[in-house]
C-alpha atoms as a PDB file:
ATOM      1  CA  UNK A   1      -0.749 -16.159 -20.354  1.00  0.00           C
ATOM      2  CA  UNK A   2       2.419 -14.252 -21.275  1.00  0.00           C
ATOM      3  CA  UNK A   3       0.543 -10.945 -21.453  1.00  0.00           C
ATOM      4  CA  UNK A   4      -1.018 -11.606 -18.056  1.00  0.00           C
ATOM      5  CA  UNK A   5       2.363 -12.445 -16.554  1.00  0.00           C
ATOM      6  CA  UNK A   6       3.932  -9.267 -17.936  1.00  0.00           C
ATOM      7  CA  UNK A   7       1.042  -7.131 -16.673  1.00  0.00           C
ATOM      8  CA  UNK A   8       1.213  -8.646 -13.198  1.00  0.00           C
ATOM      9  CA  UNK A   9       4.844  -7.539 -12.883  1.00  0.00           C
ATOM     10  CA  UNK A  10       3.839  -3.865 -12.849  1.00  0.00           C
ATOM     11  CA  UNK A  11       2.718  -1.709  -9.921  1.00  0.00           C
ATOM     12  CA  UNK A  12      -0.064  -0.846 -10.277  1.00  0.00           C
ATOM     13  CA  UNK A  13      -1.479  -3.334 -12.762  1.00  0.00           C
ATOM     14  CA  UNK A  14      -4.883  -4.405 -14.046  1.00  0.00           C
ATOM     15  CA  UNK A  15      -4.296  -8.152 -14.267  1.00  0.00           C
ATOM     16  CA  UNK A  16      -7.110 -10.068 -12.557  1.00  0.00           C
ATOM     17  CA  UNK A  17      -5.406 -12.310 -10.023  1.00  0.00           C
ATOM     18  CA  UNK A  18      -6.345 -15.887  -9.204  1.00  0.00           C
ATOM     19  CA  UNK A  19      -7.694 -14.803  -5.786  1.00  0.00           C
ATOM     20  CA  UNK A  20      -6.462 -18.073  -4.330  1.00  0.00           C
ATOM     21  CA  UNK A  21      -4.395 -16.887  -1.418  1.00  0.00           C
ATOM     22  CA  UNK A  22      -3.428 -13.188  -1.318  1.00  0.00           C
ATOM     23  CA  UNK A  23      -3.941 -11.619   2.087  1.00  0.00           C
ATOM     24  CA  UNK A  24      -5.737  -8.512   0.818  1.00  0.00           C
ATOM     25  CA  UNK A  25      -8.299 -10.287  -1.349  1.00  0.00           C
ATOM     26  CA  UNK A  26     -11.226 -10.287   1.116  1.00  0.00           C
ATOM     27  CA  UNK A  27     -10.723  -6.548   1.497  1.00  0.00           C
ATOM     28  CA  UNK A  28     -12.487  -6.120  -1.842  1.00  0.00           C
ATOM     29  CA  UNK A  29     -15.703  -6.900   0.047  1.00  0.00           C
ATOM     30  CA  UNK A  30     -14.938  -5.940   3.652  1.00  0.00           C
ATOM     31  CA  UNK A  31     -13.714  -2.449   2.732  1.00  0.00           C
ATOM     32  CA  UNK A  32     -16.893  -1.355   0.870  1.00  0.00           C
ATOM     33  CA  UNK A  33     -18.884  -2.945   3.716  1.00  0.00           C
ATOM     34  CA  UNK A  34     -17.114  -0.606   6.149  1.00  0.00           C
ATOM     35  CA  UNK A  35     -15.711  -3.341   8.380  1.00  0.00           C
ATOM     36  CA  UNK A  36     -12.023  -3.073   7.435  1.00  0.00           C
ATOM     37  CA  UNK A  37      -9.960  -0.084   8.607  1.00  0.00           C
ATOM     38  CA  UNK A  38      -6.540  -1.273   7.474  1.00  0.00           C
ATOM     39  CA  UNK A  39      -4.793  -4.173   5.801  1.00  0.00           C
ATOM     40  CA  UNK A  40      -1.468  -5.688   6.755  1.00  0.00           C
ATOM     41  CA  UNK A  41       1.429  -5.894   4.368  1.00  0.00           C
ATOM     42  CA  UNK A  42       5.215  -6.341   4.324  1.00  0.00           C
ATOM     43  CA  UNK A  43       4.996 -10.095   4.899  1.00  0.00           C
ATOM     44  CA  UNK A  44       3.953 -11.096   1.383  1.00  0.00           C
ATOM     45  CA  UNK A  45       4.990 -10.190  -2.176  1.00  0.00           C
ATOM     46  CA  UNK A  46       4.661  -6.429  -2.393  1.00  0.00           C
ATOM     47  CA  UNK A  47       3.236  -6.047  -5.897  1.00  0.00           C
ATOM     48  CA  UNK A  48       0.010  -8.014  -5.389  1.00  0.00           C
ATOM     49  CA  UNK A  49      -0.763  -6.560  -1.948  1.00  0.00           C
ATOM     50  CA  UNK A  50       0.085  -2.958  -2.757  1.00  0.00           C
ATOM     51  CA  UNK A  51      -1.743  -3.254  -6.082  1.00  0.00           C
ATOM     52  CA  UNK A  52      -5.009  -4.147  -4.346  1.00  0.00           C
ATOM     53  CA  UNK A  53      -4.500  -1.319  -1.874  1.00  0.00           C
ATOM     54  CA  UNK A  54      -3.829   1.200  -4.654  1.00  0.00           C
ATOM     55  CA  UNK A  55      -7.010   0.309  -6.532  1.00  0.00           C
ATOM     56  CA  UNK A  56      -9.144   0.601  -3.385  1.00  0.00           C
ATOM     57  CA  UNK A  57      -7.585   3.988  -2.596  1.00  0.00           C
ATOM     58  CA  UNK A  58      -8.312   5.103  -6.167  1.00  0.00           C
ATOM     59  CA  UNK A  59     -11.972   4.312  -5.494  1.00  0.00           C
ATOM     60  CA  UNK A  60     -11.911   6.725  -2.562  1.00  0.00           C
ATOM     61  CA  UNK A  61     -11.945   4.234   0.305  1.00  0.00           C
ATOM     62  CA  UNK A  62      -9.941   5.430   3.354  1.00  0.00           C
ATOM     63  CA  UNK A  63      -8.032   2.163   3.708  1.00  0.00           C
ATOM     64  CA  UNK A  64      -4.807   2.291   5.706  1.00  0.00           C
ATOM     65  CA  UNK A  65      -1.713   0.115   5.583  1.00  0.00           C
ATOM     66  CA  UNK A  66      -0.099  -1.683   8.513  1.00  0.00           C
ATOM     67  CA  UNK A  67       2.928  -3.915   8.936  1.00  0.00           C
ATOM     68  CA  UNK A  68       2.713  -7.615   9.654  1.00  0.00           C
ATOM     69  CA  UNK A  69       4.744 -10.608  10.756  1.00  0.00           C
ATOM     70  CA  UNK A  70       2.882 -13.889  10.439  1.00  0.00           C
ATOM     71  CA  UNK A  71       5.455 -15.830  12.467  1.00  0.00           C
ATOM     72  CA  UNK A  72       6.341 -18.640  12.020  1.00  0.00           C
ATOM     73  CA  UNK A  73       3.790 -19.375   9.292  1.00  0.00           C
ATOM     74  CA  UNK A  74       5.044 -16.945   6.649  1.00  0.00           C
ATOM     75  CA  UNK A  75       8.169 -15.367   8.147  1.00  0.00           C
ATOM     76  CA  UNK A  76      10.086 -18.276   9.603  1.00  0.00           C
ATOM     77  CA  UNK A  77      13.248 -16.466  10.712  1.00  0.00           C
ATOM     78  CA  UNK A  78      12.108 -13.722  13.077  1.00  0.00           C
ATOM     79  CA  UNK A  79       9.320 -11.512  14.347  1.00  0.00           C
ATOM     80  CA  UNK A  80       9.507  -8.000  12.913  1.00  0.00           C
ATOM     81  CA  UNK A  81       9.886  -8.838   9.235  1.00  0.00           C
ATOM     82  CA  UNK A  82       7.089  -6.378   8.500  1.00  0.00           C
ATOM     83  CA  UNK A  83       6.713  -3.405  10.827  1.00  0.00           C
ATOM     84  CA  UNK A  84       4.477  -0.391  11.315  1.00  0.00           C
ATOM     85  CA  UNK A  85       5.741   2.826  12.880  1.00  0.00           C
ATOM     86  CA  UNK A  86       3.031   5.100  14.303  1.00  0.00           C
ATOM     87  CA  UNK A  87       3.730   8.822  14.604  1.00  0.00           C
ATOM     88  CA  UNK A  88       2.893   9.696  18.230  1.00  0.00           C
ATOM     89  CA  UNK A  89       4.689  13.029  18.396  1.00  0.00           C
ATOM     90  CA  UNK A  90       7.047  14.092  21.175  1.00  0.00           C
ATOM     91  CA  UNK A  91       5.992  11.771  23.994  1.00  0.00           C
ATOM     92  CA  UNK A  92       7.919  10.506  27.012  1.00  0.00           C
ATOM     93  CA  UNK A  93       6.024   7.254  27.232  1.00  0.00           C
ATOM     94  CA  UNK A  94       4.223   5.166  24.626  1.00  0.00           C
ATOM     95  CA  UNK A  95       0.505   4.885  25.338  1.00  0.00           C
ATOM     96  CA  UNK A  96      -0.833   1.726  23.713  1.00  0.00           C
ATOM     97  CA  UNK A  97      -4.360   3.104  23.263  1.00  0.00           C
ATOM     98  CA  UNK A  98      -2.984   6.183  21.509  1.00  0.00           C
ATOM     99  CA  UNK A  99      -0.780   3.927  19.381  1.00  0.00           C
ATOM    100  CA  UNK A 100      -3.795   1.858  18.291  1.00  0.00           C
ATOM    101  CA  UNK A 101      -5.762   5.015  17.516  1.00  0.00           C
ATOM    102  CA  UNK A 102      -2.903   6.330  15.380  1.00  0.00           C
ATOM    103  CA  UNK A 103      -2.659   2.979  13.618  1.00  0.00           C
ATOM    104  CA  UNK A 104      -6.346   3.087  12.696  1.00  0.00           C
ATOM    105  CA  UNK A 105      -6.046   6.651  11.409  1.00  0.00           C
ATOM    106  CA  UNK A 106      -3.007   5.851   9.275  1.00  0.00           C
ATOM    107  CA  UNK A 107      -0.596   8.135  11.131  1.00  0.00           C
ATOM    108  CA  UNK A 108       2.131   5.700  10.213  1.00  0.00           C
ATOM    109  CA  UNK A 109       4.401   4.056   7.674  1.00  0.00           C
ATOM    110  CA  UNK A 110       5.327   0.428   7.055  1.00  0.00           C
ATOM    111  CA  UNK A 111       8.843  -0.876   6.677  1.00  0.00           C
ATOM    112  CA  UNK A 112      11.106  -3.894   7.010  1.00  0.00           C
ATOM    113  CA  UNK A 113      13.033  -2.051   9.724  1.00  0.00           C
ATOM    114  CA  UNK A 114      15.895  -0.979   7.453  1.00  0.00           C
ATOM    115  CA  UNK A 115      14.083   1.938   5.793  1.00  0.00           C
ATOM    116  CA  UNK A 116      12.324   4.842   7.480  1.00  0.00           C
ATOM    117  CA  UNK A 117      10.108   7.816   6.651  1.00  0.00           C
ATOM    118  CA  UNK A 118      10.523   9.781   9.871  1.00  0.00           C
ATOM    119  CA  UNK A 119       8.254  12.498   8.527  1.00  0.00           C
ATOM    120  CA  UNK A 120       6.057  12.897   5.467  1.00  0.00           C
ATOM    121  CA  UNK A 121       3.713  15.781   4.732  1.00  0.00           C
ATOM    122  CA  UNK A 122       1.805  17.426   1.895  1.00  0.00           C
ATOM    123  CA  UNK A 123       1.410  21.194   2.320  1.00  0.00           C
ATOM    124  CA  UNK A 124       2.313  20.604   5.960  1.00  0.00           C
ATOM    125  CA  UNK A 125      -0.363  17.932   6.519  1.00  0.00           C
ATOM    126  CA  UNK A 126       0.975  14.554   7.624  1.00  0.00           C
ATOM    127  CA  UNK A 127      -0.629  11.192   6.898  1.00  0.00           C
ATOM    128  CA  UNK A 128      -3.722  10.184   8.834  1.00  0.00           C
ATOM    129  CA  UNK A 129      -4.549  13.674  10.001  1.00  0.00           C
ATOM    130  CA  UNK A 130      -6.314  16.486   8.145  1.00  0.00           C
ATOM    131  CA  UNK A 131      -6.831  16.355   4.373  1.00  0.00           C
ATOM    132  CA  UNK A 132      -5.303  19.038   2.180  1.00  0.00           C
ATOM    133  CA  UNK A 133      -8.132  21.161   0.739  1.00  0.00           C
ATOM    134  CA  UNK A 134      -7.731  22.929  -2.610  1.00  0.00           C
ATOM    135  CA  UNK A 135     -10.384  25.172  -4.130  1.00  0.00           C
ATOM    136  CA  UNK A 136      -9.097  24.279  -7.597  1.00  0.00           C
ATOM    137  CA  UNK A 137      -6.302  22.357  -9.261  1.00  0.00           C
ATOM    138  CA  UNK A 138      -2.830  23.476  -8.275  1.00  0.00           C
ATOM    139  CA  UNK A 139       0.624  22.708  -6.942  1.00  0.00           C
ATOM    140  CA  UNK A 140       1.311  21.085  -3.588  1.00  0.00           C
ATOM    141  CA  UNK A 141       4.579  20.836  -1.693  1.00  0.00           C
ATOM    142  CA  UNK A 142       5.696  17.443  -0.404  1.00  0.00           C
ATOM    143  CA  UNK A 143       8.347  17.135   2.299  1.00  0.00           C
ATOM    144  CA  UNK A 144       9.867  14.094   3.956  1.00  0.00           C
ATOM    145  CA  UNK A 145      12.698  12.989   6.225  1.00  0.00           C
ATOM    146  CA  UNK A 146      13.958   9.536   5.251  1.00  0.00           C
ATOM    147  CA  UNK A 147      16.772   7.271   6.386  1.00  0.00           C
ATOM    148  CA  UNK A 148      18.137   3.929   5.225  1.00  0.00           C
ATOM    149  CA  UNK A 149      20.328   1.554   7.176  1.00  0.00           C
ATOM    150  CA  UNK A 150      24.027   1.480   6.391  1.00  0.00           C
ATOM    151  CA  UNK A 151      23.837  -2.324   6.161  1.00  0.00           C
ATOM    152  CA  UNK A 152      20.864  -4.346   4.871  1.00  0.00           C
ATOM    153  CA  UNK A 153      20.601  -8.154   4.755  1.00  0.00           C
ATOM    154  CA  UNK A 154      21.089  -9.850   1.402  1.00  0.00           C
ATOM    155  CA  UNK A 155      17.760 -11.301   0.317  1.00  0.00           C
ATOM    156  CA  UNK A 156      14.740 -11.037  -1.952  1.00  0.00           C
ATOM    157  CA  UNK A 157      12.661  -9.955   1.051  1.00  0.00           C
ATOM    158  CA  UNK A 158      14.747  -6.779   1.409  1.00  0.00           C
ATOM    159  CA  UNK A 159      15.076  -5.929  -2.259  1.00  0.00           C
ATOM    160  CA  UNK A 160      18.835  -6.502  -2.142  1.00  0.00           C
ATOM    161  CA  UNK A 161      18.741  -9.637  -4.279  1.00  0.00           C
ATOM    162  CA  UNK A 162      17.030  -9.590  -7.668  1.00  0.00           C
ATOM    163  CA  UNK A 163      14.372 -12.308  -7.997  1.00  0.00           C
ATOM    164  CA  UNK A 164      13.351 -13.968 -11.240  1.00  0.00           C
ATOM    165  CA  UNK A 165      10.025 -12.133 -11.031  1.00  0.00           C
ATOM    166  CA  UNK A 166       9.248  -8.627  -9.795  1.00  0.00           C
ATOM    167  CA  UNK A 167       6.057 -10.025  -8.285  1.00  0.00           C
ATOM    168  CA  UNK A 168       7.952 -11.828  -5.539  1.00  0.00           C
ATOM    169  CA  UNK A 169      10.064  -8.840  -4.498  1.00  0.00           C
ATOM    170  CA  UNK A 170       9.739  -8.491  -0.751  1.00  0.00           C
ATOM    171  CA  UNK A 171       8.355 -12.015  -0.365  1.00  0.00           C
ATOM    172  CA  UNK A 172       9.095 -13.640   2.995  1.00  0.00           C
ATOM    173  CA  UNK A 173       7.057 -16.789   2.382  1.00  0.00           C
ATOM    174  CA  UNK A 174       9.112 -18.681  -0.196  1.00  0.00           C
ATOM    175  CA  UNK A 175      12.879 -19.020  -0.405  1.00  0.00           C
ATOM    176  CA  UNK A 176      13.790 -17.568  -3.792  1.00  0.00           C
ATOM    177  CA  UNK A 177      17.520 -17.945  -3.132  1.00  0.00           C
ATOM    178  CA  UNK A 178      19.698 -19.739  -0.579  1.00  0.00           C
ATOM    179  CA  UNK A 179      19.680 -18.213   2.901  1.00  0.00           C
ATOM    180  CA  UNK A 180      22.492 -15.767   3.519  1.00  0.00           C
ATOM    181  CA  UNK A 181      23.993 -14.118   6.584  1.00  0.00           C
ATOM    182  CA  UNK A 182      25.667 -11.463   4.452  1.00  0.00           C
ATOM    183  CA  UNK A 183      24.791  -7.767   4.352  1.00  0.00           C
ATOM    184  CA  UNK A 184      24.863  -5.177   1.599  1.00  0.00           C
ATOM    185  CA  UNK A 185      26.587  -2.026   2.818  1.00  0.00           C
ATOM    186  CA  UNK A 186      25.911   1.443   1.507  1.00  0.00           C
ATOM    187  CA  UNK A 187      24.550   2.059  -1.952  1.00  0.00           C
ATOM    188  CA  UNK A 188      21.558   4.176  -2.880  1.00  0.00           C
ATOM    189  CA  UNK A 189      17.816   3.805  -2.496  1.00  0.00           C
ATOM    190  CA  UNK A 190      15.240   5.242  -4.903  1.00  0.00           C
ATOM    191  CA  UNK A 191      12.477   7.103  -3.060  1.00  0.00           C
ATOM    192  CA  UNK A 192       9.374   7.561  -5.201  1.00  0.00           C
ATOM    193  CA  UNK A 193       6.524  10.035  -4.942  1.00  0.00           C
ATOM    194  CA  UNK A 194       3.257   8.254  -5.729  1.00  0.00           C
ATOM    195  CA  UNK A 195      -0.008   9.968  -6.704  1.00  0.00           C
ATOM    196  CA  UNK A 196      -3.057   7.756  -7.254  1.00  0.00           C
ATOM    197  CA  UNK A 197      -0.759   4.753  -7.575  1.00  0.00           C
ATOM    198  CA  UNK A 198       1.427   6.292 -10.278  1.00  0.00           C
ATOM    199  CA  UNK A 199       5.068   7.254  -9.770  1.00  0.00           C
ATOM    200  CA  UNK A 200       5.326  10.996 -10.368  1.00  0.00           C
ATOM    201  CA  UNK A 201       8.875  11.732  -9.272  1.00  0.00           C
ATOM    202  CA  UNK A 202      11.842  10.131  -7.554  1.00  0.00           C
ATOM    203  CA  UNK A 203      15.032  10.985  -5.708  1.00  0.00           C
ATOM    204  CA  UNK A 204      18.091   8.891  -4.889  1.00  0.00           C
ATOM    205  CA  UNK A 205      19.120   8.720  -1.249  1.00  0.00           C
ATOM    206  CA  UNK A 206      22.331   7.183   0.131  1.00  0.00           C
ATOM    207  CA  UNK A 207      21.945   4.254   2.515  1.00  0.00           C
ATOM    208  CA  UNK A 208      24.228   5.688   5.179  1.00  0.00           C
ATOM    209  CA  UNK A 209      22.146   5.605   8.358  1.00  0.00           C
ATOM    210  CA  UNK A 210      21.628   9.372   8.238  1.00  0.00           C
ATOM    211  CA  UNK A 211      18.420  11.392   7.926  1.00  0.00           C
ATOM    212  CA  UNK A 212      17.930  13.052   4.541  1.00  0.00           C
ATOM    213  CA  UNK A 213      15.397  15.789   3.795  1.00  0.00           C
ATOM    214  CA  UNK A 214      13.420  15.496   0.568  1.00  0.00           C
ATOM    215  CA  UNK A 215      11.227  18.016  -1.225  1.00  0.00           C
ATOM    216  CA  UNK A 216       8.876  17.497  -4.161  1.00  0.00           C
ATOM    217  CA  UNK A 217       6.431  19.754  -5.988  1.00  0.00           C
ATOM    218  CA  UNK A 218       3.523  18.170  -7.831  1.00  0.00           C
ATOM    219  CA  UNK A 219       0.481  19.386  -9.754  1.00  0.00           C
ATOM    220  CA  UNK A 220      -2.804  17.967  -8.461  1.00  0.00           C
ATOM    221  CA  UNK A 221      -5.485  17.974 -11.172  1.00  0.00           C
ATOM    222  CA  UNK A 222      -8.255  16.168  -9.269  1.00  0.00           C
ATOM    223  CA  UNK A 223      -8.936  14.857  -5.777  1.00  0.00           C
ATOM    224  CA  UNK A 224      -6.054  12.469  -5.158  1.00  0.00           C
ATOM    225  CA  UNK A 225      -4.031  10.545  -2.615  1.00  0.00           C
ATOM    226  CA  UNK A 226      -0.297  11.151  -2.259  1.00  0.00           C
ATOM    227  CA  UNK A 227       2.253   8.820  -0.666  1.00  0.00           C
ATOM    228  CA  UNK A 228       5.944   8.004  -0.552  1.00  0.00           C
ATOM    229  CA  UNK A 229       7.537   4.607  -1.135  1.00  0.00           C
ATOM    230  CA  UNK A 230      10.857   2.872  -1.579  1.00  0.00           C
ATOM    231  CA  UNK A 231      10.134  -0.457  -3.229  1.00  0.00           C
ATOM    232  CA  UNK A 232      10.026  -2.985  -1.650  1.00  0.00           C
ATOM    233  CA  UNK A 233      11.166  -1.787   1.788  1.00  0.00           C
ATOM    234  CA  UNK A 234       9.017   1.199   2.686  1.00  0.00           C
ATOM    235  CA  UNK A 235       5.615   2.795   2.138  1.00  0.00           C
ATOM    236  CA  UNK A 236       3.904   5.681   3.901  1.00  0.00           C
ATOM    237  CA  UNK A 237       0.192   5.934   4.377  1.00  0.00           C
ATOM    238  CA  UNK A 238      -1.373   8.521   2.074  1.00  0.00           C
ATOM    239  CA  UNK A 239      -2.298  12.149   2.480  1.00  0.00           C
ATOM    240  CA  UNK A 240      -5.535  12.997   0.685  1.00  0.00           C
ATOM    241  CA  UNK A 241      -5.654  16.151  -1.426  1.00  0.00           C
ATOM    242  CA  UNK A 242      -9.280  17.131  -1.998  1.00  0.00           C
ATOM    243  CA  UNK A 243      -9.988  19.446  -4.938  1.00  0.00           C
ATOM    244  CA  UNK A 244     -13.223  21.483  -5.020  1.00  0.00           C
ATOM    245  CA  UNK A 245     -14.737  19.295  -2.263  1.00  0.00           C
ATOM    246  CA  UNK A 246     -15.051  16.334  -4.634  1.00  0.00           C
ATOM    247  CA  UNK A 247     -14.413  12.742  -3.494  1.00  0.00           C
ATOM    248  CA  UNK A 248     -11.441  10.764  -4.753  1.00  0.00           C
ATOM    249  CA  UNK A 249     -12.429   9.014  -7.967  1.00  0.00           C
ATOM    250  CA  UNK A 250      -8.955   8.630  -9.389  1.00  0.00           C
ATOM    251  CA  UNK A 251      -9.462   5.881 -11.934  1.00  0.00           C
ATOM    252  CA  UNK A 252     -12.425   4.261 -13.642  1.00  0.00           C
ATOM    253  CA  UNK A 253     -10.172   1.313 -14.502  1.00  0.00           C
ATOM    254  CA  UNK A 254      -9.333   0.834 -10.820  1.00  0.00           C
ATOM    255  CA  UNK A 255     -13.031   0.590  -9.979  1.00  0.00           C
ATOM    256  CA  UNK A 256     -13.525  -1.870 -12.824  1.00  0.00           C
ATOM    257  CA  UNK A 257     -10.556  -3.925 -11.585  1.00  0.00           C
ATOM    258  CA  UNK A 258     -12.096  -4.066  -8.109  1.00  0.00           C
ATOM    259  CA  UNK A 259     -15.447  -5.096  -9.592  1.00  0.00           C
ATOM    260  CA  UNK A 260     -14.023  -7.897 -11.745  1.00  0.00           C
ATOM    261  CA  UNK A 261     -11.722  -9.063  -8.950  1.00  0.00           C
ATOM    262  CA  UNK A 262     -14.691  -9.272  -6.575  1.00  0.00           C
ATOM    263  CA  UNK A 263     -16.548 -11.451  -9.066  1.00  0.00           C
ATOM    264  CA  UNK A 264     -13.455 -13.637  -9.409  1.00  0.00           C
ATOM    265  CA  UNK A 265     -13.151 -13.844  -5.627  1.00  0.00           C
ATOM    266  CA  UNK A 266     -16.732 -15.080  -5.289  1.00  0.00           C
ATOM    267  CA  UNK A 267     -16.285 -17.587  -8.092  1.00  0.00           C
ATOM    268  CA  UNK A 268     -13.285 -19.209  -6.443  1.00  0.00           C
ATOM    269  CA  UNK A 269     -14.041 -18.750  -2.750  1.00  0.00           C
ATOM    270  CA  UNK A 270     -17.795 -19.148  -2.270  1.00  0.00           C
ATOM    271  CA  UNK A 271     -17.405 -22.911  -1.957  1.00  0.00           C
ATOM    272  CA  UNK A 272     -15.552 -22.370   1.329  1.00  0.00           C
ATOM    273  CA  UNK A 273     -18.532 -20.550   2.850  1.00  0.00           C
ATOM    274  CA  UNK A 274     -21.039 -22.663   4.764  1.00  0.00           C
ATOM    275  CA  UNK A 275     -24.039 -23.482   2.550  1.00  0.00           C
ATOM    276  CA  UNK A 276     -26.451 -22.022   5.103  1.00  0.00           C
ATOM    277  CA  UNK A 277     -24.492 -18.723   5.104  1.00  0.00           C
ATOM    278  CA  UNK A 278     -23.835 -18.510   1.371  1.00  0.00           C
ATOM    279  CA  UNK A 279     -26.926 -16.492   0.394  1.00  0.00           C
ATOM    280  CA  UNK A 280     -26.208 -13.840   3.006  1.00  0.00           C
ATOM    281  CA  UNK A 281     -22.548 -13.736   1.984  1.00  0.00           C
ATOM    282  CA  UNK A 282     -23.543 -13.180  -1.650  1.00  0.00           C
ATOM    283  CA  UNK A 283     -25.581 -10.139  -0.610  1.00  0.00           C
ATOM    284  CA  UNK A 284     -22.399  -8.564   0.780  1.00  0.00           C
ATOM    285  CA  UNK A 285     -20.548  -9.345  -2.451  1.00  0.00           C
ATOM    286  CA  UNK A 286     -23.432  -7.944  -4.477  1.00  0.00           C
ATOM    287  CA  UNK A 287     -23.458  -4.704  -2.468  1.00  0.00           C
ATOM    288  CA  UNK A 288     -19.728  -4.309  -3.088  1.00  0.00           C
ATOM    289  CA  UNK A 289     -20.127  -4.918  -6.817  1.00  0.00           C
ATOM    290  CA  UNK A 290     -22.864  -2.273  -6.977  1.00  0.00           C
ATOM    291  CA  UNK A 291     -20.624   0.204  -5.151  1.00  0.00           C
ATOM    292  CA  UNK A 292     -17.826  -0.366  -7.655  1.00  0.00           C
ATOM    293  CA  UNK A 293     -20.273   0.132 -10.533  1.00  0.00           C
ATOM    294  CA  UNK A 294     -21.398   3.416  -8.980  1.00  0.00           C
ATOM    295  CA  UNK A 295     -17.797   4.556  -8.522  1.00  0.00           C
ATOM    296  CA  UNK A 296     -17.031   3.640 -12.141  1.00  0.00           C
ATOM    297  CA  UNK A 297     -19.829   5.924 -13.292  1.00  0.00           C
ATOM    298  CA  UNK A 298     -18.539   8.734 -11.054  1.00  0.00           C
ATOM    299  CA  UNK A 299     -14.948   8.430 -12.287  1.00  0.00           C
ATOM    300  CA  UNK A 300     -14.159  10.657 -15.241  1.00  0.00           C
ATOM    301  CA  UNK A 301     -10.585   9.417 -15.487  1.00  0.00           C
ATOM    302  CA  UNK A 302     -10.512   6.177 -17.475  1.00  0.00           C
ATOM    303  CA  UNK A 303      -6.793   5.469 -16.899  1.00  0.00           C
END
């Protein structure tokens, strides 16, 4: 139990969760089935949701991230606790259809409204657009414009109040401390470069309401996804870097985690499926399990 608890504190981690209530859990089946374009986040504990997303991305699925406010069920104070900002370019008027299209493509980032990635690109390619193509392993250049509010509310949901457990950082569902109307002013935020779920580099940025330009250089050894985050307030959607035209198979352990988590999901959730629909539902689960087994065999990296 202690080992499991320690493992579950990390991002990413390989602890098999209880599958008893996390929002992303059904994605383990709906994503391989091709009926899920994006999952919502920012309204639940970040570690468990982002962990599931990371493992699915490591399997090569083009799953995107969106913001969410489940008001008043999960966020009881206001709408806009979890937000998604879609990059529409220089437009005079927001077109809702274009916004939805950009959301589905992942031309966006998620945030709590106090942290922003105004631009993010890998070799000039921004998220949700064209993949970066490399003929062989090599360096890529990552650029970003980020900004953090001068004042941020005090609370576990914003990462400005340390919780007892890292797993609940960003949680808007449970009160982990008394409500506060106070704000934290200034300080620094740690912006992390993430490749295949692993932190590769980081830079400190002042929370001063100003736009700051960031540059990273990273070696890409295999087809990978690259993103930027500031835990728990901000995450960009990824830019794929495809090496030698090979699909992303970043981690055999990620595929195994998805496989075992899918089995756990069926074990605990099948009883909530109508008996007359249960056999058909199992076929979908079985297809997903077979896909994860195939991806495991295709993944040379066992990390």
